[in-house]
């Protein structure tokens, strides 16, 4: 099992943050199917202020490239992603169009 940790910022607005969390309390079934179908076995998102931290555990079939291709071909995932951009903003070090940015592990105990 492989674990990935990613970060993203939300627009720093309490109302928008509350809406974002509400969407994630009841994600669309198609989004859950897309995540699980890509080989993600566990996912958690944490928030402090407007900073998000996601932990993903994936099986051996998972690849970011395959997930990206499948998402691009899935109209419901594209609808969700477009909606989420209302709430999200890229980190300063993100590449153009990049949302979640991979974090580097710097310590293990």
N, C-alpha and C. Protein backbone atom coordinates (compact mmCIF):
# COMPACT_ATOMS: atom_id res chain seq x y z
N UNK A 1 0.85 -1.18 0.00
CA UNK A 1 0.00 0.00 0.00
C UNK A 1 0.89 1.24 0.00
N UNK A 2 0.57 2.18 -0.85
CA UNK A 2 1.31 3.43 -0.95
C UNK A 2 0.45 4.56 -0.40
N UNK A 3 1.08 5.50 0.26
CA UNK A 3 0.39 6.66 0.82
C UNK A 3 0.93 7.93 0.16
N UNK A 4 0.01 8.80 -0.23
CA UNK A 4 0.36 10.11 -0.77
C UNK A 4 -0.26 11.18 0.11
N UNK A 5 0.46 12.28 0.29
CA UNK A 5 -0.05 13.42 1.05
C UNK A 5 0.02 14.64 0.14
N UNK A 6 -1.11 15.35 0.08
CA UNK A 6 -1.22 16.50 -0.81
C UNK A 6 -1.82 17.68 -0.06
N UNK A 7 -1.57 18.89 -0.56
CA UNK A 7 -2.09 20.10 0.07
C UNK A 7 -2.76 20.98 -0.97
N UNK A 8 -3.68 21.80 -0.47
CA UNK A 8 -4.44 22.73 -1.30
C UNK A 8 -4.99 23.81 -0.38
N UNK A 9 -5.18 25.00 -0.89
CA UNK A 9 -5.82 26.06 -0.11
C UNK A 9 -7.25 26.26 -0.59
N UNK A 10 -8.08 26.70 0.34
CA UNK A 10 -9.43 27.15 0.01
C UNK A 10 -9.44 28.67 -0.04
N UNK A 11 -10.41 29.22 -0.73
CA UNK A 11 -10.63 30.66 -0.68
C UNK A 11 -10.90 30.98 0.78
N UNK A 12 -10.25 32.00 1.31
CA UNK A 12 -10.33 32.32 2.73
C UNK A 12 -11.61 33.10 3.04
N UNK A 13 -12.73 32.37 3.01
CA UNK A 13 -14.04 32.95 3.26
C UNK A 13 -14.85 31.91 4.04
N UNK A 14 -15.30 32.26 5.22
CA UNK A 14 -15.96 31.30 6.12
C UNK A 14 -17.20 30.66 5.48
N UNK A 15 -17.97 31.43 4.75
CA UNK A 15 -19.17 30.89 4.11
C UNK A 15 -18.80 29.86 3.05
N UNK A 16 -17.81 30.19 2.21
CA UNK A 16 -17.38 29.26 1.16
C UNK A 16 -16.75 28.00 1.76
N UNK A 17 -15.99 28.16 2.83
CA UNK A 17 -15.39 27.00 3.48
C UNK A 17 -16.48 26.08 4.03
N UNK A 18 -17.50 26.65 4.63
CA UNK A 18 -18.62 25.85 5.16
C UNK A 18 -19.33 25.11 4.02
N UNK A 19 -19.54 25.77 2.89
CA UNK A 19 -20.17 25.12 1.74
C UNK A 19 -19.30 23.96 1.23
N UNK A 20 -18.00 24.20 1.15
CA UNK A 20 -17.06 23.17 0.69
C UNK A 20 -17.14 21.95 1.58
N UNK A 21 -17.12 22.18 2.89
CA UNK A 21 -17.21 21.06 3.83
C UNK A 21 -18.54 20.33 3.69
N UNK A 22 -19.62 21.07 3.46
CA UNK A 22 -20.93 20.45 3.29
C UNK A 22 -20.93 19.52 2.07
N UNK A 23 -20.32 19.95 0.97
CA UNK A 23 -20.22 19.08 -0.21
C UNK A 23 -19.45 17.81 0.13
N UNK A 24 -18.42 17.93 0.95
CA UNK A 24 -17.60 16.77 1.27
C UNK A 24 -18.23 15.88 2.34
N UNK A 25 -19.24 16.37 3.00
CA UNK A 25 -20.00 15.52 3.92
C UNK A 25 -20.96 14.62 3.17
N UNK A 26 -21.20 14.94 1.91
CA UNK A 26 -22.10 14.14 1.07
C UNK A 26 -21.63 14.20 -0.40
N UNK A 27 -20.43 13.64 -0.64
CA UNK A 27 -19.92 13.68 -2.01
C UNK A 27 -20.85 12.91 -2.93
N UNK A 28 -20.84 13.30 -4.16
CA UNK A 28 -21.68 12.65 -5.15
C UNK A 28 -21.23 11.19 -5.31
N UNK A 29 -22.17 10.28 -5.50
CA UNK A 29 -21.80 8.85 -5.65
C UNK A 29 -20.82 8.62 -6.81
N UNK A 30 -20.97 9.38 -7.88
CA UNK A 30 -20.08 9.22 -9.04
C UNK A 30 -18.64 9.60 -8.69
N UNK A 31 -18.49 10.54 -7.78
CA UNK A 31 -17.15 10.96 -7.37
C UNK A 31 -16.52 9.86 -6.53
N UNK A 32 -17.29 9.31 -5.60
CA UNK A 32 -16.77 8.21 -4.78
C UNK A 32 -16.39 7.02 -5.66
N UNK A 33 -17.24 6.70 -6.64
CA UNK A 33 -16.95 5.60 -7.55
C UNK A 33 -15.67 5.85 -8.34
N UNK A 34 -15.48 7.09 -8.77
CA UNK A 34 -14.29 7.46 -9.52
C UNK A 34 -13.03 7.29 -8.68
N UNK A 35 -13.10 7.72 -7.43
CA UNK A 35 -11.95 7.62 -6.52
C UNK A 35 -11.62 6.15 -6.25
N UNK A 36 -12.63 5.40 -5.86
CA UNK A 36 -12.40 3.99 -5.53
C UNK A 36 -12.00 3.19 -6.76
N UNK A 37 -12.61 3.50 -7.90
CA UNK A 37 -12.30 2.79 -9.14
C UNK A 37 -10.87 3.01 -9.61
N UNK A 38 -10.26 4.10 -9.18
CA UNK A 38 -8.88 4.40 -9.57
C UNK A 38 -7.86 3.65 -8.72
N UNK A 39 -8.34 3.01 -7.65
CA UNK A 39 -7.42 2.27 -6.79
C UNK A 39 -7.13 2.95 -5.47
N UNK A 40 -7.89 3.99 -5.15
CA UNK A 40 -7.73 4.65 -3.85
C UNK A 40 -8.50 3.81 -2.83
N UNK A 41 -7.81 3.34 -1.80
CA UNK A 41 -8.43 2.48 -0.80
C UNK A 41 -8.84 3.25 0.45
N UNK A 42 -8.23 4.39 0.68
CA UNK A 42 -8.59 5.24 1.83
C UNK A 42 -8.20 6.68 1.50
N UNK A 43 -9.03 7.61 1.96
CA UNK A 43 -8.75 9.03 1.73
C UNK A 43 -9.31 9.82 2.90
N UNK A 44 -8.49 10.72 3.41
CA UNK A 44 -8.92 11.64 4.45
C UNK A 44 -8.46 13.03 4.07
N UNK A 45 -9.30 14.04 4.39
CA UNK A 45 -8.93 15.43 4.17
C UNK A 45 -9.07 16.15 5.50
N UNK A 46 -8.03 16.89 5.88
CA UNK A 46 -8.02 17.69 7.10
C UNK A 46 -7.92 19.15 6.72
N UNK A 47 -8.42 20.02 7.61
CA UNK A 47 -8.37 21.46 7.35
C UNK A 47 -7.88 22.20 8.59
N UNK A 48 -7.04 23.19 8.36
CA UNK A 48 -6.71 24.19 9.37
C UNK A 48 -6.79 25.54 8.68
N UNK A 49 -7.64 26.43 9.20
CA UNK A 49 -7.86 27.69 8.50
C UNK A 49 -8.38 27.40 7.11
N UNK A 50 -7.68 27.91 6.10
CA UNK A 50 -8.09 27.62 4.73
C UNK A 50 -7.14 26.64 4.03
N UNK A 51 -6.25 26.01 4.79
CA UNK A 51 -5.32 25.02 4.23
C UNK A 51 -5.88 23.61 4.39
N UNK A 52 -5.87 22.84 3.30
CA UNK A 52 -6.31 21.45 3.31
C UNK A 52 -5.11 20.53 3.19
N UNK A 53 -5.23 19.37 3.82
CA UNK A 53 -4.21 18.33 3.77
C UNK A 53 -4.93 17.01 3.50
N UNK A 54 -4.57 16.33 2.42
CA UNK A 54 -5.22 15.08 2.05
C UNK A 54 -4.21 13.93 2.16
N UNK A 55 -4.69 12.85 2.76
CA UNK A 55 -3.92 11.61 2.83
C UNK A 55 -4.67 10.58 1.99
N UNK A 56 -3.98 10.02 1.02
CA UNK A 56 -4.55 8.99 0.15
C UNK A 56 -3.74 7.71 0.29
N UNK A 57 -4.41 6.61 0.50
CA UNK A 57 -3.76 5.30 0.44
C UNK A 57 -4.29 4.61 -0.80
N UNK A 58 -3.38 4.06 -1.58
CA UNK A 58 -3.75 3.48 -2.87
C UNK A 58 -3.20 2.07 -3.01
N UNK A 59 -3.85 1.29 -3.87
CA UNK A 59 -3.34 -0.05 -4.15
C UNK A 59 -2.37 0.00 -5.33
N UNK A 60 -1.88 -1.16 -5.71
CA UNK A 60 -0.85 -1.23 -6.76
C UNK A 60 -1.37 -0.84 -8.14
N UNK A 61 -2.69 -0.82 -8.33
CA UNK A 61 -3.24 -0.46 -9.65
C UNK A 61 -3.32 1.05 -9.85
N UNK A 62 -3.13 1.83 -8.79
CA UNK A 62 -3.31 3.28 -8.88
C UNK A 62 -2.16 3.95 -9.62
N UNK A 63 -2.52 4.93 -10.46
CA UNK A 63 -1.52 5.86 -11.02
C UNK A 63 -2.21 7.21 -11.21
N UNK A 64 -1.46 8.27 -10.95
CA UNK A 64 -2.01 9.61 -11.12
C UNK A 64 -2.37 9.88 -12.58
N UNK A 65 -1.56 9.34 -13.49
CA UNK A 65 -1.81 9.55 -14.91
C UNK A 65 -3.13 8.90 -15.34
N UNK A 66 -3.34 7.64 -14.93
CA UNK A 66 -4.57 6.94 -15.29
C UNK A 66 -5.78 7.62 -14.64
N UNK A 67 -5.64 8.06 -13.40
CA UNK A 67 -6.74 8.75 -12.72
C UNK A 67 -7.07 10.04 -13.46
N UNK A 68 -6.06 10.78 -13.86
CA UNK A 68 -6.28 12.03 -14.58
C UNK A 68 -6.98 11.80 -15.92
N UNK A 69 -6.57 10.77 -16.65
CA UNK A 69 -7.20 10.45 -17.94
C UNK A 69 -8.66 10.03 -17.74
N UNK A 70 -8.91 9.20 -16.73
CA UNK A 70 -10.28 8.76 -16.46
C UNK A 70 -11.15 9.93 -16.05
N UNK A 71 -10.62 10.82 -15.23
CA UNK A 71 -11.37 12.00 -14.78
C UNK A 71 -11.71 12.92 -15.95
N UNK A 72 -10.76 13.09 -16.86
CA UNK A 72 -10.98 13.96 -18.02
C UNK A 72 -12.10 13.43 -18.91
N UNK A 73 -12.28 12.12 -18.92
CA UNK A 73 -13.31 11.49 -19.75
C UNK A 73 -14.65 11.31 -19.03
N UNK A 74 -14.72 11.73 -17.78
CA UNK A 74 -15.92 11.53 -16.98
C UNK A 74 -16.64 12.87 -16.77
N UNK A 75 -17.77 13.10 -17.44
CA UNK A 75 -18.46 14.39 -17.33
C UNK A 75 -18.86 14.76 -15.90
N UNK A 76 -19.24 13.78 -15.10
CA UNK A 76 -19.66 14.07 -13.73
C UNK A 76 -18.47 14.52 -12.89
N UNK A 77 -17.31 13.89 -13.08
CA UNK A 77 -16.10 14.32 -12.37
C UNK A 77 -15.72 15.72 -12.82
N UNK A 78 -15.83 16.01 -14.10
CA UNK A 78 -15.51 17.36 -14.60
C UNK A 78 -16.46 18.40 -14.00
N UNK A 79 -17.73 18.04 -13.87
CA UNK A 79 -18.71 18.95 -13.25
C UNK A 79 -18.32 19.22 -11.79
N UNK A 80 -17.96 18.16 -11.06
CA UNK A 80 -17.55 18.30 -9.65
C UNK A 80 -16.30 19.18 -9.54
N UNK A 81 -15.31 18.90 -10.38
CA UNK A 81 -14.05 19.67 -10.31
C UNK A 81 -14.29 21.14 -10.62
N UNK A 82 -15.13 21.41 -11.60
CA UNK A 82 -15.45 22.81 -11.92
C UNK A 82 -16.13 23.49 -10.74
N UNK A 83 -17.06 22.80 -10.11
CA UNK A 83 -17.75 23.33 -8.93
C UNK A 83 -16.76 23.59 -7.80
N UNK A 84 -15.83 22.66 -7.57
CA UNK A 84 -14.88 22.79 -6.46
C UNK A 84 -13.94 23.98 -6.63
N UNK A 85 -13.65 24.38 -7.90
CA UNK A 85 -12.77 25.54 -8.12
C UNK A 85 -13.38 26.82 -7.54
N UNK A 86 -14.68 26.84 -7.32
CA UNK A 86 -15.30 28.00 -6.68
C UNK A 86 -14.74 28.20 -5.27
N UNK A 87 -14.36 27.10 -4.65
CA UNK A 87 -13.92 27.11 -3.26
C UNK A 87 -12.40 27.01 -3.11
N UNK A 88 -11.74 26.48 -4.10
CA UNK A 88 -10.32 26.18 -4.01
C UNK A 88 -9.47 27.27 -4.66
N UNK A 89 -8.24 27.37 -4.15
CA UNK A 89 -7.25 28.20 -4.82
C UNK A 89 -5.91 27.49 -4.76
N UNK A 90 -5.17 27.62 -5.80
CA UNK A 90 -3.90 26.91 -5.89
C UNK A 90 -2.90 27.45 -4.87
N UNK A 91 -2.04 26.56 -4.42
CA UNK A 91 -0.93 26.99 -3.57
C UNK A 91 0.03 27.84 -4.39
N UNK A 92 0.77 28.72 -3.73
CA UNK A 92 1.71 29.58 -4.48
C UNK A 92 2.71 28.81 -5.33
N UNK A 93 3.09 27.59 -4.90
CA UNK A 93 4.08 26.81 -5.66
C UNK A 93 3.45 25.84 -6.65
N UNK A 94 2.13 25.92 -6.86
CA UNK A 94 1.45 25.02 -7.80
C UNK A 94 1.75 25.41 -9.24
N UNK A 95 1.75 24.41 -10.09
CA UNK A 95 1.90 24.66 -11.52
C UNK A 95 0.57 25.20 -12.06
N UNK A 96 0.57 25.88 -13.20
CA UNK A 96 -0.69 26.38 -13.75
C UNK A 96 -1.72 25.27 -13.91
N UNK A 97 -2.93 25.51 -13.40
CA UNK A 97 -4.01 24.55 -13.49
C UNK A 97 -3.96 23.44 -12.45
N UNK A 98 -2.90 23.38 -11.66
CA UNK A 98 -2.75 22.32 -10.66
C UNK A 98 -3.53 22.67 -9.40
N UNK A 99 -4.24 21.70 -8.88
CA UNK A 99 -4.98 21.88 -7.63
C UNK A 99 -4.15 21.34 -6.48
N UNK A 100 -4.36 20.09 -6.19
CA UNK A 100 -3.66 19.45 -5.08
C UNK A 100 -2.18 19.31 -5.42
N UNK A 101 -1.32 19.71 -4.48
CA UNK A 101 0.12 19.65 -4.68
C UNK A 101 0.69 18.55 -3.78
N UNK A 102 1.51 17.68 -4.37
CA UNK A 102 2.13 16.61 -3.62
C UNK A 102 3.09 17.19 -2.58
N UNK A 103 3.02 16.61 -1.39
CA UNK A 103 3.91 17.03 -0.31
C UNK A 103 5.07 16.03 -0.22
N UNK A 104 6.22 16.52 0.19
CA UNK A 104 7.39 15.66 0.38
C UNK A 104 7.45 15.21 1.84
N UNK A 105 7.66 13.91 2.02
CA UNK A 105 7.83 13.40 3.38
C UNK A 105 9.22 13.82 3.86
N UNK A 106 9.27 14.47 5.02
CA UNK A 106 10.55 14.92 5.55
C UNK A 106 10.92 14.25 6.88
N UNK A 107 10.01 13.44 7.44
CA UNK A 107 10.30 12.80 8.72
C UNK A 107 9.45 11.56 8.89
N UNK A 108 10.04 10.53 9.46
CA UNK A 108 9.33 9.31 9.83
C UNK A 108 9.83 8.89 11.20
N UNK A 109 8.92 8.47 12.05
CA UNK A 109 9.27 7.97 13.38
C UNK A 109 8.98 6.49 13.45
